[in-house]
Amino acid sequence: MSQHFSSLDGSAIVNDLVTVIVANREYLSEVDGAIGDGDHGINMAKGFAHCGRAIAGRQLDLAGALDELTLSLMEGIGGSMGPLYGSLFIGMADEVRGSQQIDAARFARLLRGGLSSLQDITDAGVGDKCLMDTLIPAVEAFEQAETGGASFKEALQRMKSAASQGRDSTRDLVAKIGRASRLGERSLGVLDAGAVSCCLILTQLADSIETRLV
């Protein structure tokens, strides 16, 4: 069989996401404070930490662990980011529900499912200085690598690279949505906090999966 990882590692994988977001609590709020209200890290860490407590000691498959993350974010984060990230993760969960082993093709569907679920509730896209500037290029990079015959590991590396480039691209964009859009040209020169947190999540997701590939 092609490279894959076990869905039964779901709790461990999601716990890795919890760890990276909680560790970057101050950094995310610092980034957000440049053009936002400075609470992105606080809210994200609160929601992810809640999930960490909910899954502690439980061996959930990936869909089950992502379901818990969705609930924690929907219920625990104020503002728009709870529903946005909640939609992303429930869309991902739905694509691996019932799967025991997840290969690159299934993971590509997980990524596309998350993006499609998010697009159901927002019209934001690349160029709007938001998490989509990270997510869309990352999803497309993985899909292109996977269909082009790259190994699962190589496709994950390309996803991480695209996510980082997408995050960095927001520095040169004018905010078009959210509170930061009121600043117009003054939003230039700083990263978007949602793009940064999305890059942290995708990078950690890739790293967690890569160590579990067989």
C-alpha atoms as a PDB file:
ATOM      1  CA  MET A   1       0.000   0.000   0.000  1.00  0.00           C
ATOM      2  CA  SER A   2       1.097   3.593  -0.579  1.00  0.00           C
ATOM      3  CA  GLN A   3       2.324   5.781   2.276  1.00  0.00           C
ATOM      4  CA  HIS A   4      -0.371   6.339   4.865  1.00  0.00           C
ATOM      5  CA  PHE A   5      -0.994   7.011   8.544  1.00  0.00           C
ATOM      6  CA  SER A   6      -3.496   5.561  10.971  1.00  0.00           C
ATOM      7  CA  SER A   7      -6.644   7.521  11.698  1.00  0.00           C
ATOM      8  CA  LEU A   8      -6.381   6.146  15.245  1.00  0.00           C
ATOM      9  CA  ASP A   9      -3.617   8.693  15.828  1.00  0.00           C
ATOM     10  CA  GLY A  10      -6.291  11.401  15.695  1.00  0.00           C
ATOM     11  CA  SER A  11      -6.066  12.478  19.334  1.00  0.00           C
ATOM     12  CA  ALA A  12      -2.276  12.751  19.169  1.00  0.00           C
ATOM     13  CA  ILE A  13      -2.362  14.736  15.923  1.00  0.00           C
ATOM     14  CA  VAL A  14      -4.975  17.193  17.176  1.00  0.00           C
ATOM     15  CA  ASN A  15      -3.146  17.502  20.487  1.00  0.00           C
ATOM     16  CA  ASP A  16      -0.080  18.596  18.502  1.00  0.00           C
ATOM     17  CA  LEU A  17      -2.219  21.375  16.987  1.00  0.00           C
ATOM     18  CA  VAL A  18      -3.365  22.379  20.470  1.00  0.00           C
ATOM     19  CA  THR A  19       0.239  22.575  21.642  1.00  0.00           C
ATOM     20  CA  VAL A  20       1.439  24.793  18.788  1.00  0.00           C
ATOM     21  CA  ILE A  21      -1.452  27.260  19.065  1.00  0.00           C
ATOM     22  CA  VAL A  22      -1.170  27.559  22.848  1.00  0.00           C
ATOM     23  CA  ALA A  23       2.604  28.035  22.522  1.00  0.00           C
ATOM     24  CA  ASN A  24       2.047  30.881  20.036  1.00  0.00           C
ATOM     25  CA  ARG A  25      -0.675  32.630  22.047  1.00  0.00           C
ATOM     26  CA  GLU A  26       1.293  35.829  22.643  1.00  0.00           C
ATOM     27  CA  TYR A  27       2.791  35.912  19.149  1.00  0.00           C
ATOM     28  CA  LEU A  28      -0.606  35.627  17.454  1.00  0.00           C
ATOM     29  CA  SER A  29      -2.052  38.398  19.602  1.00  0.00           C
ATOM     30  CA  GLU A  30       0.990  40.559  18.873  1.00  0.00           C
ATOM     31  CA  VAL A  31       0.493  40.091  15.121  1.00  0.00           C
ATOM     32  CA  ASP A  32      -3.228  40.783  15.485  1.00  0.00           C
ATOM     33  CA  GLY A  33      -2.575  43.899  17.549  1.00  0.00           C
ATOM     34  CA  ALA A  34      -0.877  45.638  14.623  1.00  0.00           C
ATOM     35  CA  ILE A  35      -4.133  46.086  12.672  1.00  0.00           C
ATOM     36  CA  GLY A  36      -6.757  44.206  14.701  1.00  0.00           C
ATOM     37  CA  ASP A  37      -7.954  44.163  18.277  1.00  0.00           C
ATOM     38  CA  GLY A  38      -5.080  42.015  19.531  1.00  0.00           C
ATOM     39  CA  ASP A  39      -7.063  39.061  20.853  1.00  0.00           C
ATOM     40  CA  HIS A  40      -6.542  36.448  18.126  1.00  0.00           C
ATOM     41  CA  GLY A  41      -3.966  34.513  20.120  1.00  0.00           C
ATOM     42  CA  ILE A  42      -5.993  34.715  23.314  1.00  0.00           C
ATOM     43  CA  ASN A  43      -9.138  33.420  21.627  1.00  0.00           C
ATOM     44  CA  MET A  44      -7.409  30.719  19.595  1.00  0.00           C
ATOM     45  CA  ALA A  45      -5.453  29.450  22.595  1.00  0.00           C
ATOM     46  CA  LYS A  46      -8.632  29.381  24.679  1.00  0.00           C
ATOM     47  CA  GLY A  47     -10.494  27.277  22.116  1.00  0.00           C
ATOM     48  CA  PHE A  48      -7.626  24.910  21.379  1.00  0.00           C
ATOM     49  CA  ALA A  49      -6.793  24.450  25.071  1.00  0.00           C
ATOM     50  CA  HIS A  50     -10.445  23.547  25.696  1.00  0.00           C
ATOM     51  CA  CYS A  51     -10.122  20.877  23.027  1.00  0.00           C
ATOM     52  CA  GLY A  52      -6.932  19.595  24.627  1.00  0.00           C
ATOM     53  CA  ARG A  53      -8.781  19.043  27.876  1.00  0.00           C
ATOM     54  CA  ALA A  54     -11.706  17.400  26.067  1.00  0.00           C
ATOM     55  CA  ILE A  55      -9.550  14.806  24.311  1.00  0.00           C
ATOM     56  CA  ALA A  56      -7.094  14.145  27.155  1.00  0.00           C
ATOM     57  CA  GLY A  57      -6.792  10.422  27.823  1.00  0.00           C
ATOM     58  CA  ARG A  58      -9.055   9.488  24.901  1.00  0.00           C
ATOM     59  CA  GLN A  59      -7.915   7.660  21.772  1.00  0.00           C
ATOM     60  CA  LEU A  60     -10.124   9.196  19.110  1.00  0.00           C
ATOM     61  CA  ASP A  61      -9.805   8.635  15.401  1.00  0.00           C
ATOM     62  CA  LEU A  62      -9.002  11.676  13.292  1.00  0.00           C
ATOM     63  CA  ALA A  63     -12.634  12.496  12.523  1.00  0.00           C
ATOM     64  CA  GLY A  64     -13.585  12.217  16.189  1.00  0.00           C
ATOM     65  CA  ALA A  65     -10.693  14.396  17.330  1.00  0.00           C
ATOM     66  CA  LEU A  66     -11.487  17.013  14.683  1.00  0.00           C
ATOM     67  CA  ASP A  67     -15.130  16.927  15.810  1.00  0.00           C
ATOM     68  CA  GLU A  68     -14.003  17.789  19.341  1.00  0.00           C
ATOM     69  CA  LEU A  69     -11.831  20.605  18.000  1.00  0.00           C
ATOM     70  CA  THR A  70     -14.772  21.953  16.016  1.00  0.00           C
ATOM     71  CA  LEU A  71     -17.025  21.970  19.087  1.00  0.00           C
ATOM     72  CA  SER A  72     -14.379  23.681  21.202  1.00  0.00           C
ATOM     73  CA  LEU A  73     -13.828  26.418  18.633  1.00  0.00           C
ATOM     74  CA  MET A  74     -17.507  26.986  17.862  1.00  0.00           C
ATOM     75  CA  GLU A  75     -18.350  27.287  21.550  1.00  0.00           C
ATOM     76  CA  GLY A  76     -15.171  28.794  22.940  1.00  0.00           C
ATOM     77  CA  ILE A  77     -14.014  31.514  20.552  1.00  0.00           C
ATOM     78  CA  GLY A  78     -15.623  34.906  20.222  1.00  0.00           C
ATOM     79  CA  GLY A  79     -15.848  36.825  16.976  1.00  0.00           C
ATOM     80  CA  SER A  80     -15.613  35.338  13.508  1.00  0.00           C
ATOM     81  CA  MET A  81     -12.710  32.930  13.943  1.00  0.00           C
ATOM     82  CA  GLY A  82     -14.649  30.255  15.844  1.00  0.00           C
ATOM     83  CA  PRO A  83     -17.147  29.629  13.042  1.00  0.00           C
ATOM     84  CA  LEU A  84     -14.433  29.971  10.382  1.00  0.00           C
ATOM     85  CA  TYR A  85     -12.036  27.465  11.881  1.00  0.00           C
ATOM     86  CA  GLY A  86     -14.918  25.310  13.075  1.00  0.00           C
ATOM     87  CA  SER A  87     -16.176  25.056   9.501  1.00  0.00           C
ATOM     88  CA  LEU A  88     -12.690  24.199   8.278  1.00  0.00           C
ATOM     89  CA  PHE A  89     -12.228  21.364  10.753  1.00  0.00           C
ATOM     90  CA  ILE A  90     -15.706  19.849  10.411  1.00  0.00           C
ATOM     91  CA  GLY A  91     -15.223  19.830   6.647  1.00  0.00           C
ATOM     92  CA  MET A  92     -11.953  17.985   7.147  1.00  0.00           C
ATOM     93  CA  ALA A  93     -13.530  15.524   9.579  1.00  0.00           C
ATOM     94  CA  ASP A  94     -16.318  14.624   7.179  1.00  0.00           C
ATOM     95  CA  GLU A  95     -13.807  13.472   4.548  1.00  0.00           C
ATOM     96  CA  VAL A  96     -12.129  10.921   6.826  1.00  0.00           C
ATOM     97  CA  ARG A  97     -15.142   9.701   8.778  1.00  0.00           C
ATOM     98  CA  GLY A  98     -14.957   5.912   8.889  1.00  0.00           C
ATOM     99  CA  SER A  99     -11.457   5.770   7.403  1.00  0.00           C
ATOM    100  CA  GLN A 100      -8.897   3.677   9.276  1.00  0.00           C
ATOM    101  CA  GLN A 101      -5.888   4.457   7.108  1.00  0.00           C
ATOM    102  CA  ILE A 102      -5.365   7.799   5.397  1.00  0.00           C
ATOM    103  CA  ASP A 103      -3.198   7.991   2.297  1.00  0.00           C
ATOM    104  CA  ALA A 104      -2.245  11.050   0.256  1.00  0.00           C
ATOM    105  CA  ALA A 105      -5.355  10.889  -1.926  1.00  0.00           C
ATOM    106  CA  ARG A 106      -7.625  10.775   1.127  1.00  0.00           C
ATOM    107  CA  PHE A 107      -5.677  13.580   2.791  1.00  0.00           C
ATOM    108  CA  ALA A 108      -6.119  15.681  -0.347  1.00  0.00           C
ATOM    109  CA  ARG A 109      -9.865  15.166   0.023  1.00  0.00           C
ATOM    110  CA  LEU A 110      -9.597  16.146   3.696  1.00  0.00           C
ATOM    111  CA  LEU A 111      -7.942  19.432   2.744  1.00  0.00           C
ATOM    112  CA  ARG A 112     -10.390  20.178  -0.064  1.00  0.00           C
ATOM    113  CA  GLY A 113     -13.327  19.264   2.184  1.00  0.00           C
ATOM    114  CA  GLY A 114     -12.152  21.717   4.822  1.00  0.00           C
ATOM    115  CA  LEU A 115     -11.700  24.481   2.274  1.00  0.00           C
ATOM    116  CA  SER A 116     -15.091  23.822   0.660  1.00  0.00           C
ATOM    117  CA  SER A 117     -16.825  23.885   4.041  1.00  0.00           C
ATOM    118  CA  LEU A 118     -15.172  27.213   4.809  1.00  0.00           C
ATOM    119  CA  GLN A 119     -16.153  28.606   1.416  1.00  0.00           C
ATOM    120  CA  ASP A 120     -19.765  27.781   2.240  1.00  0.00           C
ATOM    121  CA  ILE A 121     -19.752  30.529   4.879  1.00  0.00           C
ATOM    122  CA  THR A 122     -17.358  33.122   3.447  1.00  0.00           C
ATOM    123  CA  ASP A 123     -16.640  34.695   0.079  1.00  0.00           C
ATOM    124  CA  ALA A 124     -13.093  35.584   1.131  1.00  0.00           C
ATOM    125  CA  GLY A 125     -10.303  34.443  -1.146  1.00  0.00           C
ATOM    126  CA  VAL A 126      -6.660  34.891  -2.042  1.00  0.00           C
ATOM    127  CA  GLY A 127      -5.707  38.556  -1.964  1.00  0.00           C
ATOM    128  CA  ASP A 128      -8.133  39.551   0.791  1.00  0.00           C
ATOM    129  CA  LYS A 129      -5.443  39.483   3.535  1.00  0.00           C
ATOM    130  CA  CYS A 130      -6.954  36.635   5.536  1.00  0.00           C
ATOM    131  CA  LEU A 131      -6.464  32.973   6.331  1.00  0.00           C
ATOM    132  CA  MET A 132      -7.481  32.080   2.754  1.00  0.00           C
ATOM    133  CA  ASP A 133      -4.173  33.527   1.555  1.00  0.00           C
ATOM    134  CA  THR A 134      -2.514  30.662   3.428  1.00  0.00           C
ATOM    135  CA  LEU A 135      -5.118  27.927   3.053  1.00  0.00           C
ATOM    136  CA  ILE A 136      -5.975  28.023  -0.651  1.00  0.00           C
ATOM    137  CA  PRO A 137      -2.381  27.886  -1.978  1.00  0.00           C
ATOM    138  CA  ALA A 138      -1.537  25.155   0.545  1.00  0.00           C
ATOM    139  CA  VAL A 139      -4.490  22.973  -0.474  1.00  0.00           C
ATOM    140  CA  GLU A 140      -3.756  23.469  -4.163  1.00  0.00           C
ATOM    141  CA  ALA A 141      -0.054  22.714  -3.697  1.00  0.00           C
ATOM    142  CA  PHE A 142      -0.812  19.411  -1.975  1.00  0.00           C
ATOM    143  CA  GLU A 143      -3.381  18.440  -4.603  1.00  0.00           C
ATOM    144  CA  GLN A 144      -1.013  19.230  -7.471  1.00  0.00           C
ATOM    145  CA  ALA A 145       1.829  17.303  -5.848  1.00  0.00           C
ATOM    146  CA  GLU A 146      -0.356  14.291  -5.100  1.00  0.00           C
ATOM    147  CA  THR A 147      -1.886  14.078  -8.577  1.00  0.00           C
ATOM    148  CA  GLY A 148       1.560  14.636 -10.079  1.00  0.00           C
ATOM    149  CA  GLY A 149       2.895  11.500  -8.459  1.00  0.00           C
ATOM    150  CA  ALA A 150       4.815  12.975  -5.529  1.00  0.00           C
ATOM    151  CA  SER A 151       5.148  10.926  -2.371  1.00  0.00           C
ATOM    152  CA  PHE A 152       2.923  11.752   0.599  1.00  0.00           C
ATOM    153  CA  LYS A 153       5.971  13.219   2.365  1.00  0.00           C
ATOM    154  CA  GLU A 154       6.935  15.410  -0.592  1.00  0.00           C
ATOM    155  CA  ALA A 155       3.337  16.610  -1.013  1.00  0.00           C
ATOM    156  CA  LEU A 156       3.300  17.628   2.662  1.00  0.00           C
ATOM    157  CA  GLN A 157       6.544  19.556   2.178  1.00  0.00           C
ATOM    158  CA  ARG A 158       5.053  21.434  -0.776  1.00  0.00           C
ATOM    159  CA  MET A 159       1.943  22.197   1.259  1.00  0.00           C
ATOM    160  CA  LYS A 160       4.076  23.677   4.040  1.00  0.00           C
ATOM    161  CA  SER A 161       6.070  25.772   1.594  1.00  0.00           C
ATOM    162  CA  ALA A 162       2.923  27.144  -0.046  1.00  0.00           C
ATOM    163  CA  ALA A 163       1.384  27.899   3.350  1.00  0.00           C
ATOM    164  CA  SER A 164       4.455  29.884   4.406  1.00  0.00           C
ATOM    165  CA  GLN A 165       4.541  31.817   1.150  1.00  0.00           C
ATOM    166  CA  GLY A 166       0.827  32.537   1.450  1.00  0.00           C
ATOM    167  CA  ARG A 167       1.238  33.768   5.017  1.00  0.00           C
ATOM    168  CA  ASP A 168       4.110  36.043   4.018  1.00  0.00           C
ATOM    169  CA  SER A 169       2.159  37.420   1.044  1.00  0.00           C
ATOM    170  CA  THR A 170      -0.319  39.079   3.403  1.00  0.00           C
ATOM    171  CA  ARG A 171       2.364  41.562   4.471  1.00  0.00           C
ATOM    172  CA  ASP A 172       2.023  43.277   1.088  1.00  0.00           C
ATOM    173  CA  LEU A 173      -1.772  43.200   0.918  1.00  0.00           C
ATOM    174  CA  VAL A 174      -4.386  45.768   1.877  1.00  0.00           C
ATOM    175  CA  ALA A 175      -7.081  44.275   4.116  1.00  0.00           C
ATOM    176  CA  LYS A 176     -10.412  43.936   2.307  1.00  0.00           C
ATOM    177  CA  ILE A 177     -12.485  42.167   4.941  1.00  0.00           C
ATOM    178  CA  GLY A 178     -12.974  42.357   8.691  1.00  0.00           C
ATOM    179  CA  ARG A 179     -12.117  45.145  11.083  1.00  0.00           C
ATOM    180  CA  ALA A 180      -8.702  45.727   9.498  1.00  0.00           C
ATOM    181  CA  SER A 181     -10.368  46.729   6.207  1.00  0.00           C
ATOM    182  CA  ARG A 182     -11.258  50.067   7.787  1.00  0.00           C
ATOM    183  CA  LEU A 183      -7.566  50.935   7.853  1.00  0.00           C
ATOM    184  CA  GLY A 184      -7.177  50.782   4.084  1.00  0.00           C
ATOM    185  CA  GLU A 185      -3.569  51.407   3.034  1.00  0.00           C
ATOM    186  CA  ARG A 186      -2.516  51.507   6.689  1.00  0.00           C
ATOM    187  CA  SER A 187      -2.994  47.733   6.820  1.00  0.00           C
ATOM    188  CA  LEU A 188       0.001  47.326   4.500  1.00  0.00           C
ATOM    189  CA  GLY A 189       3.286  46.089   5.912  1.00  0.00           C
ATOM    190  CA  VAL A 190       2.008  43.680   8.551  1.00  0.00           C
ATOM    191  CA  LEU A 191       0.979  40.043   8.450  1.00  0.00           C
ATOM    192  CA  ASP A 192      -2.628  38.930   8.843  1.00  0.00           C
ATOM    193  CA  ALA A 193      -3.136  37.057  12.107  1.00  0.00           C
ATOM    194  CA  GLY A 194      -5.525  34.519  10.576  1.00  0.00           C
ATOM    195  CA  ALA A 195      -3.024  33.737   7.829  1.00  0.00           C
ATOM    196  CA  VAL A 196      -0.350  33.265  10.487  1.00  0.00           C
ATOM    197  CA  SER A 197      -2.447  30.933  12.658  1.00  0.00           C
ATOM    198  CA  CYS A 198      -3.533  28.945   9.594  1.00  0.00           C
ATOM    199  CA  CYS A 199       0.113  28.492   8.614  1.00  0.00           C
ATOM    200  CA  LEU A 200       0.962  27.287  12.117  1.00  0.00           C
ATOM    201  CA  ILE A 201      -1.894  24.771  11.956  1.00  0.00           C
ATOM    202  CA  LEU A 202      -1.082  23.429   8.483  1.00  0.00           C
ATOM    203  CA  THR A 203       2.642  23.226   9.202  1.00  0.00           C
ATOM    204  CA  GLN A 204       2.098  21.331  12.451  1.00  0.00           C
ATOM    205  CA  LEU A 205      -0.485  19.080  10.798  1.00  0.00           C
ATOM    206  CA  ALA A 206       2.041  18.183   8.098  1.00  0.00           C
ATOM    207  CA  ASP A 207       4.833  17.586  10.621  1.00  0.00           C
ATOM    208  CA  SER A 208       2.612  15.424  12.833  1.00  0.00           C
ATOM    209  CA  ILE A 209       1.508  13.291   9.902  1.00  0.00           C
ATOM    210  CA  GLU A 210       4.995  12.987   8.419  1.00  0.00           C
ATOM    211  CA  THR A 211       6.352  11.380  11.587  1.00  0.00           C
ATOM    212  CA  ARG A 212       3.529   8.816  11.488  1.00  0.00           C
ATOM    213  CA  LEU A 213       3.759   7.766   7.833  1.00  0.00           C
ATOM    214  CA  VAL A 214       4.329   4.075   7.159  1.00  0.00           C
END
